[in-house]
């Protein structure tokens, strides 16, 4: 048995949730916040048998895409904020960060 932990951008979470349910994967969704852009994410916890891991990973890959987004950098600490004019920077966001962990025991009460 494996535990798949998938951190996805909020924009992809509803589509991914529906796709996982359509393929009979039971999930738990957690609202999370990313550290880099401080934007909303959704973390999925998916428990599944070893033979279904690749199927779950394929569904995640199909439904979570990377996209470019313009963000304004934070002002420098200790500097003169009046002279600091931030230029938006384009960064890639989205996609999915996925961890697959072994599960020693699963209990359902």
Protein backbone atom coordinates (compact mmCIF):
# COMPACT_ATOMS: atom_id res chain seq x y z
CA UNK A 1 0.00 0.00 0.00
CA UNK A 2 1.19 3.53 -0.77
CA UNK A 3 0.28 7.05 0.29
CA UNK A 4 0.46 9.62 -2.49
CA UNK A 5 0.81 13.21 -1.33
CA UNK A 6 0.17 15.61 -4.22
CA UNK A 7 0.47 19.39 -3.82
CA UNK A 8 -1.35 21.12 -6.69
CA UNK A 9 -2.34 24.68 -7.51
CA UNK A 10 -5.91 25.61 -6.49
CA UNK A 11 -6.82 26.18 -10.15
CA UNK A 12 -6.28 22.48 -10.86
CA UNK A 13 -7.79 21.00 -7.69
CA UNK A 14 -11.45 20.63 -8.76
CA UNK A 15 -10.53 19.03 -12.08
CA UNK A 16 -8.11 16.65 -10.37
CA UNK A 17 -10.59 15.76 -7.63
CA UNK A 18 -13.26 14.85 -10.19
CA UNK A 19 -10.83 12.78 -12.28
CA UNK A 20 -9.62 10.85 -9.23
CA UNK A 21 -13.21 10.13 -8.13
CA UNK A 22 -14.11 9.00 -11.67
CA UNK A 23 -11.35 6.38 -11.38
CA UNK A 24 -12.44 5.25 -7.88
CA UNK A 25 -9.57 6.82 -5.93
CA UNK A 26 -10.55 7.96 -2.44
CA UNK A 27 -8.87 11.21 -1.46
CA UNK A 28 -8.60 13.69 1.36
CA UNK A 29 -8.11 17.32 0.34
CA UNK A 30 -6.27 19.83 2.51
CA UNK A 31 -6.14 23.57 1.89
CA UNK A 32 -2.49 24.61 2.01
CA UNK A 33 -0.40 27.69 1.23
CA UNK A 34 2.80 27.69 -0.79
CA UNK A 35 5.90 29.23 0.74
CA UNK A 36 7.41 30.82 -2.36
CA UNK A 37 4.46 32.76 -3.82
CA UNK A 38 2.30 32.51 -0.69
CA UNK A 39 -0.59 31.44 -2.88
CA UNK A 40 -3.28 28.85 -2.36
CA UNK A 41 -2.59 25.19 -2.99
CA UNK A 42 -4.49 22.01 -2.39
CA UNK A 43 -2.78 18.95 -0.96
CA UNK A 44 -4.33 15.59 -1.82
CA UNK A 45 -3.75 12.53 0.33
CA UNK A 46 -4.43 9.39 -1.70
CA UNK A 47 -4.13 5.92 -0.25
CA UNK A 48 -3.93 3.17 -2.87
CA UNK A 49 -2.65 -0.29 -3.62
CA UNK A 50 0.83 -0.55 -5.12
CA UNK A 51 -0.50 -1.68 -8.51
CA UNK A 52 -2.66 1.47 -8.86
CA UNK A 53 0.08 4.03 -8.13
CA UNK A 54 1.05 4.55 -11.78
CA UNK A 55 -2.62 5.10 -12.72
CA UNK A 56 -2.98 7.74 -9.99
CA UNK A 57 0.23 9.47 -11.09
CA UNK A 58 -1.02 9.52 -14.69
CA UNK A 59 -4.29 11.16 -13.62
CA UNK A 60 -2.38 13.78 -11.63
CA UNK A 61 -0.09 14.49 -14.57
CA UNK A 62 -3.03 14.83 -17.00
CA UNK A 63 -4.96 17.25 -14.79
CA UNK A 64 -2.28 19.51 -13.30
CA UNK A 65 -0.43 21.75 -15.69
CA UNK A 66 2.30 24.32 -15.22
CA UNK A 67 1.58 27.88 -16.30
CA UNK A 68 3.48 31.19 -16.34
CA UNK A 69 2.40 33.93 -13.95
CA UNK A 70 3.62 37.48 -13.40
CA UNK A 71 4.48 38.26 -9.77
CA UNK A 72 5.81 41.40 -8.12
CA UNK A 73 8.93 40.81 -6.06
CA UNK A 74 8.92 41.79 -2.39
CA UNK A 75 10.64 45.03 -1.41
CA UNK A 76 14.18 44.61 -0.05
CA UNK A 77 14.51 44.60 3.73
CA UNK A 78 16.28 47.59 5.24
CA UNK A 79 16.40 49.49 1.96
CA UNK A 80 14.75 52.74 1.02
CA UNK A 81 11.29 51.63 -0.08
CA UNK A 82 10.61 54.98 -1.80
CA UNK A 83 13.28 54.33 -4.43
CA UNK A 84 12.38 50.67 -4.96
CA UNK A 85 10.21 50.13 -8.04
CA UNK A 86 9.41 46.44 -8.40
CA UNK A 87 9.29 45.01 -11.91
CA UNK A 88 6.97 42.05 -12.31
CA UNK A 89 8.82 38.80 -12.88
CA UNK A 90 7.43 35.86 -14.83
CA UNK A 91 7.66 32.56 -12.96
CA UNK A 92 6.34 29.09 -13.67
CA UNK A 93 3.61 27.97 -11.27
CA UNK A 94 1.30 25.01 -11.12
CA UNK A 95 1.90 21.46 -12.07
CA UNK A 96 2.10 19.08 -9.16
CA UNK A 97 4.65 18.15 -6.54
CA UNK A 98 4.09 14.50 -5.68
CA UNK A 99 5.49 12.23 -2.98
CA UNK A 100 4.85 8.48 -2.93
CA UNK A 101 5.33 6.96 0.51
CA UNK A 102 5.15 3.35 1.70
CA UNK A 103 2.35 2.56 4.16
CA UNK A 104 3.02 -0.09 6.79
CA UNK A 105 -0.52 -0.26 8.07
CA UNK A 106 -3.92 1.11 7.07
CA UNK A 107 -6.89 1.15 9.44
CA UNK A 108 -10.41 2.37 8.74
CA UNK A 109 -12.75 2.75 11.72
